[in-house]
Amino acid sequence: MKTLSLVKFRDGLPREAAWRAWAEHTRRWDGRDHPEIRMTRLTLFGEGDGGANDGWDGMGLTEWSSAEAFQAAAAWYQTPASAAHAADLGSFMDLERMLTIVIADECAIPGPPLAGEPG
């Protein structure tokens, strides 16, 4: 099961510092508190795009071991046990603007062959 999270960094925090903090948080905190995560891919959006990103700074694509594991993690964030984890996230991310979406299905469609490559 996969989720996609759109994130906005905290105002006033240098973009590169927030990006590094996000990667470190994912390695350190998610690896410890969510062992049911199989893989997370973080993406930093480009700057100066004329508003195409609608205020989002990046996204995280997370593969969970199961839908139940994701639901258990979401419930865990509502408990006092998650306070330190959430505080670390909140040190670089605007948690009020974070949007997480469950991916129901995906389909990979390859592009056409490049010029000079066999078709």
PDB file of N, CA and C in Angstrom:
ATOM      1  N   MET A   1       0.839  -1.172   0.000  1.00  0.00           N
ATOM      2  CA  MET A   1       0.000   0.000   0.000  1.00  0.00           C
ATOM      3  C   MET A   1       0.885   1.238   0.000  1.00  0.00           C
ATOM      4  N   LYS A   2       0.507   2.257  -0.768  1.00  0.00           N
ATOM      5  CA  LYS A   2       1.311   3.471  -0.855  1.00  0.00           C
ATOM      6  C   LYS A   2       0.494   4.701  -0.481  1.00  0.00           C
ATOM      7  N   THR A   3       1.211   5.687   0.073  1.00  0.00           N
ATOM      8  CA  THR A   3       0.625   6.993   0.350  1.00  0.00           C
ATOM      9  C   THR A   3       1.519   8.066  -0.268  1.00  0.00           C
ATOM     10  N   LEU A   4       0.908   9.185  -0.592  1.00  0.00           N
ATOM     11  CA  LEU A   4       1.628  10.340  -1.101  1.00  0.00           C
ATOM     12  C   LEU A   4       1.327  11.506  -0.177  1.00  0.00           C
ATOM     13  N   SER A   5       2.370  12.137   0.358  1.00  0.00           N
ATOM     14  CA  SER A   5       2.201  13.280   1.262  1.00  0.00           C
ATOM     15  C   SER A   5       2.792  14.527   0.633  1.00  0.00           C
ATOM     16  N   LEU A   6       1.987  15.570   0.505  1.00  0.00           N
ATOM     17  CA  LEU A   6       2.456  16.875   0.055  1.00  0.00           C
ATOM     18  C   LEU A   6       2.826  17.680   1.282  1.00  0.00           C
ATOM     19  N   VAL A   7       3.999  18.323   1.253  1.00  0.00           N
ATOM     20  CA  VAL A   7       4.479  19.035   2.430  1.00  0.00           C
ATOM     21  C   VAL A   7       4.868  20.477   2.107  1.00  0.00           C
ATOM     22  N   LYS A   8       4.759  21.289   3.135  1.00  0.00           N
ATOM     23  CA  LYS A   8       5.185  22.695   3.098  1.00  0.00           C
ATOM     24  C   LYS A   8       6.149  22.889   4.255  1.00  0.00           C
ATOM     25  N   PHE A   9       7.322  23.441   3.973  1.00  0.00           N
ATOM     26  CA  PHE A   9       8.297  23.700   5.024  1.00  0.00           C
ATOM     27  C   PHE A   9       7.860  24.906   5.854  1.00  0.00           C
ATOM     28  N   ARG A  10       8.361  24.972   7.078  1.00  0.00           N
ATOM     29  CA  ARG A  10       8.029  26.082   7.981  1.00  0.00           C
ATOM     30  C   ARG A  10       8.533  27.397   7.392  1.00  0.00           C
ATOM     31  N   ASP A  11       7.733  28.418   7.539  1.00  0.00           N
ATOM     32  CA  ASP A  11       8.128  29.753   7.099  1.00  0.00           C
ATOM     33  C   ASP A  11       9.388  30.185   7.843  1.00  0.00           C
ATOM     34  N   GLY A  12      10.291  30.841   7.130  1.00  0.00           N
ATOM     35  CA  GLY A  12      11.499  31.371   7.731  1.00  0.00           C
ATOM     36  C   GLY A  12      12.649  30.385   7.820  1.00  0.00           C
ATOM     37  N   LEU A  13      12.413  29.125   7.552  1.00  0.00           N
ATOM     38  CA  LEU A  13      13.474  28.117   7.599  1.00  0.00           C
ATOM     39  C   LEU A  13      14.102  28.014   6.213  1.00  0.00           C
ATOM     40  N   PRO A  14      15.429  28.121   6.115  1.00  0.00           N
ATOM     41  CA  PRO A  14      16.051  27.985   4.799  1.00  0.00           C
ATOM     42  C   PRO A  14      15.674  26.657   4.144  1.00  0.00           C
ATOM     43  N   ARG A  15      15.340  26.732   2.882  1.00  0.00           N
ATOM     44  CA  ARG A  15      14.854  25.575   2.122  1.00  0.00           C
ATOM     45  C   ARG A  15      15.793  24.374   2.209  1.00  0.00           C
ATOM     46  N   GLU A  16      17.083  24.589   2.012  1.00  0.00           N
ATOM     47  CA  GLU A  16      18.037  23.470   2.050  1.00  0.00           C
ATOM     48  C   GLU A  16      18.122  22.854   3.443  1.00  0.00           C
ATOM     49  N   ALA A  17      18.011  23.681   4.471  1.00  0.00           N
ATOM     50  CA  ALA A  17      18.028  23.156   5.843  1.00  0.00           C
ATOM     51  C   ALA A  17      16.794  22.292   6.096  1.00  0.00           C
ATOM     52  N   ALA A  18      15.648  22.736   5.613  1.00  0.00           N
ATOM     53  CA  ALA A  18      14.415  21.958   5.781  1.00  0.00           C
ATOM     54  C   ALA A  18      14.493  20.648   5.011  1.00  0.00           C
ATOM     55  N   TRP A  19      15.021  20.691   3.806  1.00  0.00           N
ATOM     56  CA  TRP A  19      15.178  19.487   2.985  1.00  0.00           C
ATOM     57  C   TRP A  19      16.080  18.461   3.688  1.00  0.00           C
ATOM     58  N   ARG A  20      17.206  18.924   4.212  1.00  0.00           N
ATOM     59  CA  ARG A  20      18.117  18.017   4.940  1.00  0.00           C
ATOM     60  C   ARG A  20      17.448  17.466   6.196  1.00  0.00           C
ATOM     61  N   ALA A  21      16.718  18.317   6.915  1.00  0.00           N
ATOM     62  CA  ALA A  21      16.032  17.874   8.136  1.00  0.00           C
ATOM     63  C   ALA A  21      14.970  16.829   7.813  1.00  0.00           C
ATOM     64  N   TRP A  22      14.270  16.997   6.703  1.00  0.00           N
ATOM     65  CA  TRP A  22      13.243  16.042   6.307  1.00  0.00           C
ATOM     66  C   TRP A  22      13.857  14.671   5.995  1.00  0.00           C
ATOM     67  N   ALA A  23      14.937  14.678   5.244  1.00  0.00           N
ATOM     68  CA  ALA A  23      15.605  13.418   4.920  1.00  0.00           C
ATOM     69  C   ALA A  23      16.136  12.740   6.179  1.00  0.00           C
ATOM     70  N   GLU A  24      16.733  13.515   7.073  1.00  0.00           N
ATOM     71  CA  GLU A  24      17.273  12.947   8.314  1.00  0.00           C
ATOM     72  C   GLU A  24      16.136  12.421   9.200  1.00  0.00           C
ATOM     73  N   HIS A  25      15.048  13.178   9.301  1.00  0.00           N
ATOM     74  CA  HIS A  25      13.899  12.728  10.083  1.00  0.00           C
ATOM     75  C   HIS A  25      13.388  11.390   9.540  1.00  0.00           C
ATOM     76  N   THR A  26      13.262  11.293   8.241  1.00  0.00           N
ATOM     77  CA  THR A  26      12.727  10.070   7.621  1.00  0.00           C
ATOM     78  C   THR A  26      13.630   8.883   7.914  1.00  0.00           C
ATOM     79  N   ARG A  27      14.942   9.082   7.801  1.00  0.00           N
ATOM     80  CA  ARG A  27      15.886   7.989   8.103  1.00  0.00           C
ATOM     81  C   ARG A  27      15.847   7.605   9.582  1.00  0.00           C
ATOM     82  N   ARG A  28      15.895   8.603  10.437  1.00  0.00           N
ATOM     83  CA  ARG A  28      16.049   8.345  11.867  1.00  0.00           C
ATOM     84  C   ARG A  28      14.727   7.989  12.559  1.00  0.00           C
ATOM     85  N   TRP A  29      13.754   8.869  12.462  1.00  0.00           N
ATOM     86  CA  TRP A  29      12.512   8.715  13.222  1.00  0.00           C
ATOM     87  C   TRP A  29      11.573   7.684  12.592  1.00  0.00           C
ATOM     88  N   ASP A  30      11.350   7.781  11.280  1.00  0.00           N
ATOM     89  CA  ASP A  30      10.422   6.834  10.660  1.00  0.00           C
ATOM     90  C   ASP A  30      10.989   5.420  10.696  1.00  0.00           C
ATOM     91  N   GLY A  31      12.290   5.290  10.526  1.00  0.00           N
ATOM     92  CA  GLY A  31      12.914   3.970  10.607  1.00  0.00           C
ATOM     93  C   GLY A  31      12.718   3.317  11.964  1.00  0.00           C
ATOM     94  N   ARG A  32      12.702   4.117  13.006  1.00  0.00           N
ATOM     95  CA  ARG A  32      12.523   3.601  14.366  1.00  0.00           C
ATOM     96  C   ARG A  32      11.054   3.405  14.722  1.00  0.00           C
ATOM     97  N   ASP A  33      10.225   4.422  14.445  1.00  0.00           N
ATOM     98  CA  ASP A  33       8.836   4.408  14.907  1.00  0.00           C
ATOM     99  C   ASP A  33       7.866   3.700  13.963  1.00  0.00           C
ATOM    100  N   HIS A  34       8.279   3.506  12.719  1.00  0.00           N
ATOM    101  CA  HIS A  34       7.399   2.866  11.730  1.00  0.00           C
ATOM    102  C   HIS A  34       8.160   1.783  10.959  1.00  0.00           C
ATOM    103  N   PRO A  35       8.536   0.698  11.614  1.00  0.00           N
ATOM    104  CA  PRO A  35       9.293  -0.354  10.921  1.00  0.00           C
ATOM    105  C   PRO A  35       8.483  -1.026   9.811  1.00  0.00           C
ATOM    106  N   GLU A  36       7.176  -0.761   9.768  1.00  0.00           N
ATOM    107  CA  GLU A  36       6.335  -1.331   8.725  1.00  0.00           C
ATOM    108  C   GLU A  36       6.425  -0.560   7.401  1.00  0.00           C
ATOM    109  N   ILE A  37       7.197   0.528   7.380  1.00  0.00           N
ATOM    110  CA  ILE A  37       7.438   1.248   6.129  1.00  0.00           C
ATOM    111  C   ILE A  37       8.488   0.463   5.337  1.00  0.00           C
ATOM    112  N   ARG A  38       8.151   0.168   4.100  1.00  0.00           N
ATOM    113  CA  ARG A  38       9.072  -0.580   3.232  1.00  0.00           C
ATOM    114  C   ARG A  38      10.022   0.340   2.473  1.00  0.00           C
ATOM    115  N   MET A  39       9.558   1.540   2.128  1.00  0.00           N
ATOM    116  CA  MET A  39      10.391   2.485   1.378  1.00  0.00           C
ATOM    117  C   MET A  39       9.703   3.842   1.388  1.00  0.00           C
ATOM    118  N   THR A  40      10.498   4.897   1.469  1.00  0.00           N
ATOM    119  CA  THR A  40       9.993   6.255   1.289  1.00  0.00           C
ATOM    120  C   THR A  40      10.890   6.972   0.303  1.00  0.00           C
ATOM    121  N   ARG A  41      10.270   7.627  -0.654  1.00  0.00           N
ATOM    122  CA  ARG A  41      11.000   8.435  -1.637  1.00  0.00           C
ATOM    123  C   ARG A  41      10.579   9.885  -1.434  1.00  0.00           C
ATOM    124  N   LEU A  42      11.541  10.737  -1.075  1.00  0.00           N
ATOM    125  CA  LEU A  42      11.270  12.161  -0.884  1.00  0.00           C
ATOM    126  C   LEU A  42      11.600  12.906  -2.167  1.00  0.00           C
ATOM    127  N   THR A  43      10.789  13.891  -2.496  1.00  0.00           N
ATOM    128  CA  THR A  43      10.995  14.709  -3.692  1.00  0.00           C
ATOM    129  C   THR A  43      10.917  16.179  -3.300  1.00  0.00           C
ATOM    130  N   LEU A  44      11.932  16.942  -3.667  1.00  0.00           N
ATOM    131  CA  LEU A  44      11.945  18.390  -3.444  1.00  0.00           C
ATOM    132  C   LEU A  44      11.490  19.055  -4.736  1.00  0.00           C
ATOM    133  N   PHE A  45      10.458  19.884  -4.664  1.00  0.00           N
ATOM    134  CA  PHE A  45       9.953  20.567  -5.845  1.00  0.00           C
ATOM    135  C   PHE A  45      10.858  21.732  -6.219  1.00  0.00           C
ATOM    136  N   GLY A  46      10.828  22.111  -7.477  1.00  0.00           N
ATOM    137  CA  GLY A  46      11.620  23.227  -7.964  1.00  0.00           C
ATOM    138  C   GLY A  46      11.109  24.560  -7.441  1.00  0.00           C
ATOM    139  N   GLU A  47      11.981  25.541  -7.441  1.00  0.00           N
ATOM    140  CA  GLU A  47      11.626  26.901  -7.027  1.00  0.00           C
ATOM    141  C   GLU A  47      11.437  27.767  -8.261  1.00  0.00           C
ATOM    142  N   GLY A  48      10.761  28.890  -8.075  1.00  0.00           N
ATOM    143  CA  GLY A  48      10.633  29.858  -9.157  1.00  0.00           C
ATOM    144  C   GLY A  48       9.836  29.330 -10.329  1.00  0.00           C
ATOM    145  N   ASP A  49       8.833  28.535 -10.036  1.00  0.00           N
ATOM    146  CA  ASP A  49       8.045  27.915 -11.096  1.00  0.00           C
ATOM    147  C   ASP A  49       6.779  28.703 -11.431  1.00  0.00           C
ATOM    148  N   GLY A  50       6.668  29.901 -10.911  1.00  0.00           N
ATOM    149  CA  GLY A  50       5.498  30.718 -11.189  1.00  0.00           C
ATOM    150  C   GLY A  50       4.241  30.245 -10.485  1.00  0.00           C
ATOM    151  N   GLY A  51       4.403  29.506  -9.386  1.00  0.00           N
ATOM    152  CA  GLY A  51       3.250  29.061  -8.614  1.00  0.00           C
ATOM    153  C   GLY A  51       2.704  27.705  -9.011  1.00  0.00           C
ATOM    154  N   ALA A  52       3.372  27.003  -9.898  1.00  0.00           N
ATOM    155  CA  ALA A  52       2.862  25.712 -10.372  1.00  0.00           C
ATOM    156  C   ALA A  52       2.737  24.688  -9.252  1.00  0.00           C
ATOM    157  N   ASN A  53       3.533  24.819  -8.203  1.00  0.00           N
ATOM    158  CA  ASN A  53       3.473  23.853  -7.098  1.00  0.00           C
ATOM    159  C   ASN A  53       2.450  24.251  -6.044  1.00  0.00           C
ATOM    160  N   ASP A  54       1.778  25.367  -6.248  1.00  0.00           N
ATOM    161  CA  ASP A  54       0.708  25.820  -5.360  1.00  0.00           C
ATOM    162  C   ASP A  54       1.137  25.885  -3.895  1.00  0.00           C
ATOM    163  N   GLY A  55       2.379  26.277  -3.664  1.00  0.00           N
ATOM    164  CA  GLY A  55       2.848  26.458  -2.292  1.00  0.00           C
ATOM    165  C   GLY A  55       3.442  25.227  -1.647  1.00  0.00           C
ATOM    166  N   TRP A  56       3.414  24.082  -2.297  1.00  0.00           N
ATOM    167  CA  TRP A  56       4.019  22.868  -1.740  1.00  0.00           C
ATOM    168  C   TRP A  56       5.516  22.883  -1.999  1.00  0.00           C
ATOM    169  N   ASP A  57       6.283  22.400  -1.029  1.00  0.00           N
ATOM    170  CA  ASP A  57       7.742  22.329  -1.187  1.00  0.00           C
ATOM    171  C   ASP A  57       8.211  20.961  -1.659  1.00  0.00           C
ATOM    172  N   GLY A  58       7.447  19.932  -1.385  1.00  0.00           N
ATOM    173  CA  GLY A  58       7.878  18.607  -1.791  1.00  0.00           C
ATOM    174  C   GLY A  58       6.815  17.569  -1.511  1.00  0.00           C
ATOM    175  N   MET A  59       7.196  16.330  -1.795  1.00  0.00           N
ATOM    176  CA  MET A  59       6.274  15.222  -1.531  1.00  0.00           C
ATOM    177  C   MET A  59       7.053  14.005  -1.080  1.00  0.00           C
ATOM    178  N   GLY A  60       6.382  13.177  -0.306  1.00  0.00           N
ATOM    179  CA  GLY A  60       6.939  11.907   0.115  1.00  0.00           C
ATOM    180  C   GLY A  60       6.035  10.793  -0.373  1.00  0.00           C
ATOM    181  N   LEU A  61       6.602   9.831  -1.067  1.00  0.00           N
ATOM    182  CA  LEU A  61       5.880   8.652  -1.510  1.00  0.00           C
ATOM    183  C   LEU A  61       6.320   7.513  -0.605  1.00  0.00           C
ATOM    184  N   THR A  62       5.395   6.955   0.171  1.00  0.00           N
ATOM    185  CA  THR A  62       5.733   5.941   1.162  1.00  0.00           C
ATOM    186  C   THR A  62       5.025   4.634   0.843  1.00  0.00           C
ATOM    187  N   GLU A  63       5.797   3.555   0.847  1.00  0.00           N
ATOM    188  CA  GLU A  63       5.236   2.222   0.652  1.00  0.00           C
ATOM    189  C   GLU A  63       5.164   1.537   2.012  1.00  0.00           C
ATOM    190  N   TRP A  64       3.949   1.172   2.410  1.00  0.00           N
ATOM    191  CA  TRP A  64       3.677   0.531   3.693  1.00  0.00           C
ATOM    192  C   TRP A  64       3.527  -0.973   3.491  1.00  0.00           C
ATOM    193  N   SER A  65       3.777  -1.746   4.532  1.00  0.00           N
ATOM    194  CA  SER A  65       3.640  -3.201   4.428  1.00  0.00           C
ATOM    195  C   SER A  65       2.188  -3.625   4.216  1.00  0.00           C
ATOM    196  N   SER A  66       1.232  -2.800   4.678  1.00  0.00           N
ATOM    197  CA  SER A  66      -0.187  -3.108   4.510  1.00  0.00           C
ATOM    198  C   SER A  66      -1.015  -1.868   4.833  1.00  0.00           C
ATOM    199  N   ALA A  67      -2.269  -1.900   4.436  1.00  0.00           N
ATOM    200  CA  ALA A  67      -3.190  -0.816   4.779  1.00  0.00           C
ATOM    201  C   ALA A  67      -3.375  -0.744   6.290  1.00  0.00           C
ATOM    202  N   GLU A  68      -3.388  -1.892   6.951  1.00  0.00           N
ATOM    203  CA  GLU A  68      -3.542  -1.933   8.406  1.00  0.00           C
ATOM    204  C   GLU A  68      -2.360  -1.266   9.107  1.00  0.00           C
ATOM    205  N   ALA A  69      -1.166  -1.472   8.574  1.00  0.00           N
ATOM    206  CA  ALA A  69       0.025  -0.841   9.157  1.00  0.00           C
ATOM    207  C   ALA A  69      -0.059   0.679   9.038  1.00  0.00           C
ATOM    208  N   PHE A  70      -0.536   1.173   7.889  1.00  0.00           N
ATOM    209  CA  PHE A  70      -0.699   2.614   7.711  1.00  0.00           C
ATOM    210  C   PHE A  70      -1.748   3.153   8.682  1.00  0.00           C
ATOM    211  N   GLN A  71      -2.866   2.470   8.817  1.00  0.00           N
ATOM    212  CA  GLN A  71      -3.920   2.914   9.727  1.00  0.00           C
ATOM    213  C   GLN A  71      -3.427   2.927  11.175  1.00  0.00           C
ATOM    214  N   ALA A  72      -2.647   1.922  11.558  1.00  0.00           N
ATOM    215  CA  ALA A  72      -2.090   1.878  12.919  1.00  0.00           C
ATOM    216  C   ALA A  72      -1.141   3.051  13.145  1.00  0.00           C
ATOM    217  N   ALA A  73      -0.331   3.377  12.147  1.00  0.00           N
ATOM    218  CA  ALA A  73       0.583   4.514  12.270  1.00  0.00           C
ATOM    219  C   ALA A  73      -0.199   5.821  12.384  1.00  0.00           C
ATOM    220  N   ALA A  74      -1.238   5.976  11.572  1.00  0.00           N
ATOM    221  CA  ALA A  74      -2.063   7.192  11.634  1.00  0.00           C
ATOM    222  C   ALA A  74      -2.704   7.326  13.018  1.00  0.00           C
ATOM    223  N   ALA A  75      -3.177   6.225  13.582  1.00  0.00           N
ATOM    224  CA  ALA A  75      -3.772   6.256  14.925  1.00  0.00           C
ATOM    225  C   ALA A  75      -2.715   6.583  15.976  1.00  0.00           C
ATOM    226  N   TRP A  76      -1.496   6.085  15.789  1.00  0.00           N
ATOM    227  CA  TRP A  76      -0.405   6.335  16.727  1.00  0.00           C
ATOM    228  C   TRP A  76      -0.125   7.829  16.865  1.00  0.00           C
ATOM    229  N   TYR A  77      -0.264   8.583  15.769  1.00  0.00           N
ATOM    230  CA  TYR A  77      -0.020  10.025  15.810  1.00  0.00           C
ATOM    231  C   TYR A  77      -1.036  10.758  16.677  1.00  0.00           C
ATOM    232  N   GLN A  78      -2.092  10.108  17.079  1.00  0.00           N
ATOM    233  CA  GLN A  78      -3.096  10.718  17.953  1.00  0.00           C
ATOM    234  C   GLN A  78      -2.833  10.397  19.424  1.00  0.00           C
ATOM    235  N   THR A  79      -1.708   9.746  19.721  1.00  0.00           N
ATOM    236  CA  THR A  79      -1.397   9.347  21.097  1.00  0.00           C
ATOM    237  C   THR A  79      -0.224  10.160  21.642  1.00  0.00           C
ATOM    238  N   PRO A  80      -0.100  10.235  22.966  1.00  0.00           N
ATOM    239  CA  PRO A  80       1.046  10.933  23.570  1.00  0.00           C
ATOM    240  C   PRO A  80       2.400  10.320  23.181  1.00  0.00           C
ATOM    241  N   ALA A  81       2.430   9.039  22.855  1.00  0.00           N
ATOM    242  CA  ALA A  81       3.689   8.382  22.489  1.00  0.00           C
ATOM    243  C   ALA A  81       4.333   8.992  21.249  1.00  0.00           C
ATOM    244  N   SER A  82       3.540   9.681  20.435  1.00  0.00           N
ATOM    245  CA  SER A  82       4.069  10.264  19.193  1.00  0.00           C
ATOM    246  C   SER A  82       4.596  11.685  19.374  1.00  0.00           C
ATOM    247  N   ALA A  83       4.556  12.236  20.584  1.00  0.00           N
ATOM    248  CA  ALA A  83       4.859  13.659  20.807  1.00  0.00           C
ATOM    249  C   ALA A  83       6.249  14.065  20.317  1.00  0.00           C
ATOM    250  N   ALA A  84       7.274  13.310  20.647  1.00  0.00           N
ATOM    251  CA  ALA A  84       8.634  13.678  20.235  1.00  0.00           C
ATOM    252  C   ALA A  84       8.784  13.570  18.720  1.00  0.00           C
ATOM    253  N   HIS A  85       8.209  12.537  18.146  1.00  0.00           N
ATOM    254  CA  HIS A  85       8.260  12.351  16.697  1.00  0.00           C
ATOM    255  C   HIS A  85       7.591  13.543  15.998  1.00  0.00           C
ATOM    256  N   ALA A  86       6.385  13.888  16.449  1.00  0.00           N
ATOM    257  CA  ALA A  86       5.652  15.000  15.852  1.00  0.00           C
ATOM    258  C   ALA A  86       6.369  16.333  16.071  1.00  0.00           C
ATOM    259  N   ALA A  87       6.990  16.506  17.225  1.00  0.00           N
ATOM    260  CA  ALA A  87       7.732  17.743  17.491  1.00  0.00           C
ATOM    261  C   ALA A  87       8.904  17.888  16.531  1.00  0.00           C
ATOM    262  N   ASP A  88       9.586  16.778  16.242  1.00  0.00           N
ATOM    263  CA  ASP A  88      10.683  16.851  15.283  1.00  0.00           C
ATOM    264  C   ASP A  88      10.154  17.219  13.896  1.00  0.00           C
ATOM    265  N   LEU A  89       9.074  16.594  13.469  1.00  0.00           N
ATOM    266  CA  LEU A  89       8.463  16.953  12.178  1.00  0.00           C
ATOM    267  C   LEU A  89       8.101  18.436  12.147  1.00  0.00           C
ATOM    268  N   GLY A  90       7.497  18.903  13.215  1.00  0.00           N
ATOM    269  CA  GLY A  90       7.066  20.294  13.281  1.00  0.00           C
ATOM    270  C   GLY A  90       8.203  21.301  13.333  1.00  0.00           C
ATOM    271  N   SER A  91       9.420  20.840  13.578  1.00  0.00           N
ATOM    272  CA  SER A  91      10.559  21.762  13.606  1.00  0.00           C
ATOM    273  C   SER A  91      10.940  22.242  12.207  1.00  0.00           C
ATOM    274  N   PHE A  92      10.519  21.534  11.165  1.00  0.00           N
ATOM    275  CA  PHE A  92      10.863  21.949   9.801  1.00  0.00           C
ATOM    276  C   PHE A  92       9.663  21.934   8.845  1.00  0.00           C
ATOM    277  N   MET A  93       8.560  21.334   9.254  1.00  0.00           N
ATOM    278  CA  MET A  93       7.411  21.171   8.372  1.00  0.00           C
ATOM    279  C   MET A  93       6.175  21.846   8.963  1.00  0.00           C
ATOM    280  N   ASP A  94       5.375  22.466   8.100  1.00  0.00           N
ATOM    281  CA  ASP A  94       4.097  23.041   8.506  1.00  0.00           C
ATOM    282  C   ASP A  94       3.083  21.898   8.544  1.00  0.00           C
ATOM    283  N   LEU A  95       2.871  21.320   9.721  1.00  0.00           N
ATOM    284  CA  LEU A  95       2.019  20.135   9.850  1.00  0.00           C
ATOM    285  C   LEU A  95       0.565  20.414   9.505  1.00  0.00           C
ATOM    286  N   GLU A  96       0.130  21.646   9.688  1.00  0.00           N
ATOM    287  CA  GLU A  96      -1.259  22.000   9.354  1.00  0.00           C
ATOM    288  C   GLU A  96      -1.509  21.929   7.851  1.00  0.00           C
ATOM    289  N   ARG A  97      -0.464  22.097   7.057  1.00  0.00           N
ATOM    290  CA  ARG A  97      -0.616  22.091   5.590  1.00  0.00           C
ATOM    291  C   ARG A  97      -0.252  20.759   4.963  1.00  0.00           C
ATOM    292  N   MET A  98       0.210  19.804   5.748  1.00  0.00           N
ATOM    293  CA  MET A  98       0.575  18.500   5.199  1.00  0.00           C
ATOM    294  C   MET A  98      -0.692  17.778   4.745  1.00  0.00           C
ATOM    295  N   LEU A  99      -0.634  17.208   3.559  1.00  0.00           N
ATOM    296  CA  LEU A  99      -1.769  16.492   2.986  1.00  0.00           C
ATOM    297  C   LEU A  99      -1.303  15.098   2.588  1.00  0.00           C
ATOM    298  N   THR A 100      -1.919  14.062   3.163  1.00  0.00           N
ATOM    299  CA  THR A 100      -1.565  12.686   2.834  1.00  0.00           C
ATOM    300  C   THR A 100      -2.742  12.016   2.150  1.00  0.00           C
ATOM    301  N   ILE A 101      -2.442  11.364   1.029  1.00  0.00           N
ATOM    302  CA  ILE A 101      -3.440  10.728   0.179  1.00  0.00           C
ATOM    303  C   ILE A 101      -3.081   9.253   0.032  1.00  0.00           C
ATOM    304  N   VAL A 102      -4.053   8.375   0.172  1.00  0.00           N
ATOM    305  CA  VAL A 102      -3.842   6.944  -0.063  1.00  0.00           C
ATOM    306  C   VAL A 102      -3.940   6.691  -1.561  1.00  0.00           C
ATOM    307  N   ILE A 103      -2.963   5.985  -2.101  1.00  0.00           N
ATOM    308  CA  ILE A 103      -2.950   5.643  -3.521  1.00  0.00           C
ATOM    309  C   ILE A 103      -3.694   4.324  -3.705  1.00  0.00           C
ATOM    310  N   ALA A 104      -4.749   4.335  -4.509  1.00  0.00           N
ATOM    311  CA  ALA A 104      -5.562   3.140  -4.722  1.00  0.00           C
ATOM    312  C   ALA A 104      -4.931   2.205  -5.750  1.00  0.00           C
ATOM    313  N   ASP A 105      -4.285   2.767  -6.762  1.00  0.00           N
ATOM    314  CA  ASP A 105      -3.710   1.955  -7.836  1.00  0.00           C
ATOM    315  C   ASP A 105      -2.725   2.823  -8.599  1.00  0.00           C
ATOM    316  N   GLU A 106      -1.873   2.188  -9.348  1.00  0.00           N
ATOM    317  CA  GLU A 106      -0.947   2.936 -10.202  1.00  0.00           C
ATOM    318  C   GLU A 106      -0.667   2.125 -11.448  1.00  0.00           C
ATOM    319  N   CYS A 107      -0.282   2.814 -12.483  1.00  0.00           N
ATOM    320  CA  CYS A 107       0.003   2.184 -13.761  1.00  0.00           C
ATOM    321  C   CYS A 107       1.221   2.885 -14.356  1.00  0.00           C
ATOM    322  N   ALA A 108       2.282   2.139 -14.616  1.00  0.00           N
ATOM    323  CA  ALA A 108       3.487   2.706 -15.222  1.00  0.00           C
ATOM    324  C   ALA A 108       3.386   2.553 -16.740  1.00  0.00           C
ATOM    325  N   ILE A 109       3.510   3.666 -17.442  1.00  0.00           N
ATOM    326  CA  ILE A 109       3.425   3.654 -18.898  1.00  0.00           C
ATOM    327  C   ILE A 109       4.738   4.191 -19.436  1.00  0.00           C
ATOM    328  N   PRO A 110       5.539   3.340 -20.088  1.00  0.00           N
ATOM    329  CA  PRO A 110       6.831   3.803 -20.597  1.00  0.00           C
ATOM    330  C   PRO A 110       6.649   4.792 -21.740  1.00  0.00           C
ATOM    331  N   GLY A 111       7.608   5.703 -21.847  1.00  0.00           N
ATOM    332  CA  GLY A 111       7.602   6.659 -22.943  1.00  0.00           C
ATOM    333  C   GLY A 111       8.073   6.002 -24.231  1.00  0.00           C
ATOM    334  N   PRO A 112       7.986   6.737 -25.329  1.00  0.00           N
ATOM    335  CA  PRO A 112       8.444   6.191 -26.610  1.00  0.00           C
ATOM    336  C   PRO A 112       9.969   6.047 -26.610  1.00  0.00           C
ATOM    337  N   PRO A 113      10.492   5.197 -27.480  1.00  0.00           N
ATOM    338  CA  PRO A 113      11.962   5.057 -27.544  1.00  0.00           C
ATOM    339  C   PRO A 113      12.608   6.382 -27.954  1.00  0.00           C
ATOM    340  N   LEU A 114      13.796   6.624 -27.455  1.00  0.00           N
ATOM    341  CA  LEU A 114      14.545   7.816 -27.840  1.00  0.00           C
ATOM    342  C   LEU A 114      15.049   7.676 -29.280  1.00  0.00           C
ATOM    343  N   ALA A 115      15.300   8.807 -29.904  1.00  0.00           N
ATOM    344  CA  ALA A 115      15.816   8.781 -31.267  1.00  0.00           C
ATOM    345  C   ALA A 115      17.063   7.926 -31.333  1.00  0.00           C
ATOM    346  N   GLY A 116      17.127   7.058 -32.309  1.00  0.00           N
ATOM    347  CA  GLY A 116      18.295   6.213 -32.494  1.00  0.00           C
ATOM    348  C   GLY A 116      18.209   4.889 -31.754  1.00  0.00           C
ATOM    349  N   GLU A 117      17.224   4.738 -30.872  1.00  0.00           N
ATOM    350  CA  GLU A 117      17.057   3.475 -30.159  1.00  0.00           C
ATOM    351  C   GLU A 117      16.102   2.572 -30.941  1.00  0.00           C
ATOM    352  N   PRO A 118      16.305   1.275 -30.849  1.00  0.00           N
ATOM    353  CA  PRO A 118      15.369   0.379 -31.536  1.00  0.00           C
ATOM    354  C   PRO A 118      13.974   0.494 -30.929  1.00  0.00           C
ATOM    355  N   GLY A 119      12.955   0.420 -31.752  1.00  0.00           N
ATOM    356  CA  GLY A 119      11.576   0.581 -31.298  1.00  0.00           C
ATOM    357  C   GLY A 119      10.986  -0.701 -30.944  1.00  0.00           C
TER     358      GLY A 119
END
